[in-house]
Protein backbone atom coordinates (compact mmCIF):
# COMPACT_ATOMS: atom_id res chain seq x y z
CA UNK A 1 113.05 80.71 80.05
CA UNK A 2 112.23 84.68 80.12
CA UNK A 3 112.36 86.57 83.26
CA UNK A 4 109.42 87.75 84.46
CA UNK A 5 109.79 91.16 85.68
CA UNK A 6 106.94 92.00 88.13
CA UNK A 7 107.05 96.18 88.50
CA UNK A 8 106.10 97.29 92.13
CA UNK A 9 103.95 101.00 92.03
CA UNK A 10 103.28 100.75 95.71
CA UNK A 11 104.68 99.35 98.47
CA UNK A 12 104.05 96.07 99.91
CA UNK A 13 102.29 96.21 103.18
CA UNK A 14 104.25 94.03 106.19
CA UNK A 15 102.56 92.06 108.54
CA UNK A 16 102.10 94.37 111.20
CA UNK A 17 100.57 97.21 108.25
CA UNK A 18 97.88 94.89 107.67
CA UNK A 19 96.81 93.96 111.14
CA UNK A 20 96.07 97.23 111.65
CA UNK A 21 93.68 97.31 108.74
CA UNK A 22 90.39 97.88 109.21
CA UNK A 23 88.08 94.76 106.87
CA UNK A 24 86.93 97.76 104.34
CA UNK A 25 90.15 98.31 103.68
CA UNK A 26 91.37 95.31 104.14
CA UNK A 27 89.30 94.37 100.95
CA UNK A 28 89.97 97.72 99.01
CA UNK A 29 94.06 96.25 99.34
CA UNK A 30 93.06 92.78 97.98
CA UNK A 31 90.96 93.76 95.05
CA UNK A 32 94.39 96.29 93.99
CA UNK A 33 96.74 93.91 94.22
CA UNK A 34 94.18 91.26 92.08
CA UNK A 35 93.88 94.67 88.93
CA UNK A 36 97.69 95.17 89.60
CA UNK A 37 98.15 91.42 88.67
CA UNK A 38 95.55 91.39 86.15
CA UNK A 39 97.83 94.09 84.23
CA UNK A 40 100.68 92.86 84.62
CA UNK A 41 100.21 89.77 82.95
CA UNK A 42 101.67 88.39 79.66
CA UNK A 43 99.19 87.90 76.69
CA UNK A 44 99.14 84.25 76.06
CA UNK A 45 100.93 83.33 73.22
CA UNK A 46 102.38 79.45 71.48
CA UNK A 47 104.98 79.89 73.80
CA UNK A 48 103.29 80.05 77.02
CA UNK A 49 100.19 78.12 76.44
CA UNK A 50 98.80 75.45 73.85
CA UNK A 51 98.02 77.83 71.54
CA UNK A 52 99.02 77.37 68.10
CA UNK A 53 101.80 79.09 66.84
CA UNK A 54 99.62 79.90 63.75
CA UNK A 55 97.42 81.88 65.49
CA UNK A 56 100.02 84.12 67.19
CA UNK A 57 99.43 88.03 66.25
CA UNK A 58 102.49 88.91 64.11
CA UNK A 59 103.24 91.90 62.56
CA UNK A 60 103.23 91.08 57.91
CA UNK A 61 106.50 90.93 56.91
CA UNK A 62 107.70 93.22 54.28
CA UNK A 63 108.93 91.90 51.36
CA UNK A 64 112.21 91.09 51.44
CA UNK A 65 113.29 90.75 47.81
CA UNK A 66 116.63 91.37 46.88
CA UNK A 67 115.64 92.30 43.36
CA UNK A 68 115.26 96.10 42.84
CA UNK A 69 113.00 98.32 41.82
CA UNK A 70 112.74 99.05 38.00
């Protein structure tokens, strides 16, 4: 299982800091957190969802012929 890494670009506020914020500031803080969670969410593929493996976006493989060019 892959380890999920969450990037933290800003400091998470402590409960004491959150108590001091106004209603509007709290709403803005929540919206910012939601945007960051959506950005960091991995795209779905056959490993983390019920999507079929045939629908995974993969790069086409280069021809692996052992025969040299003539």
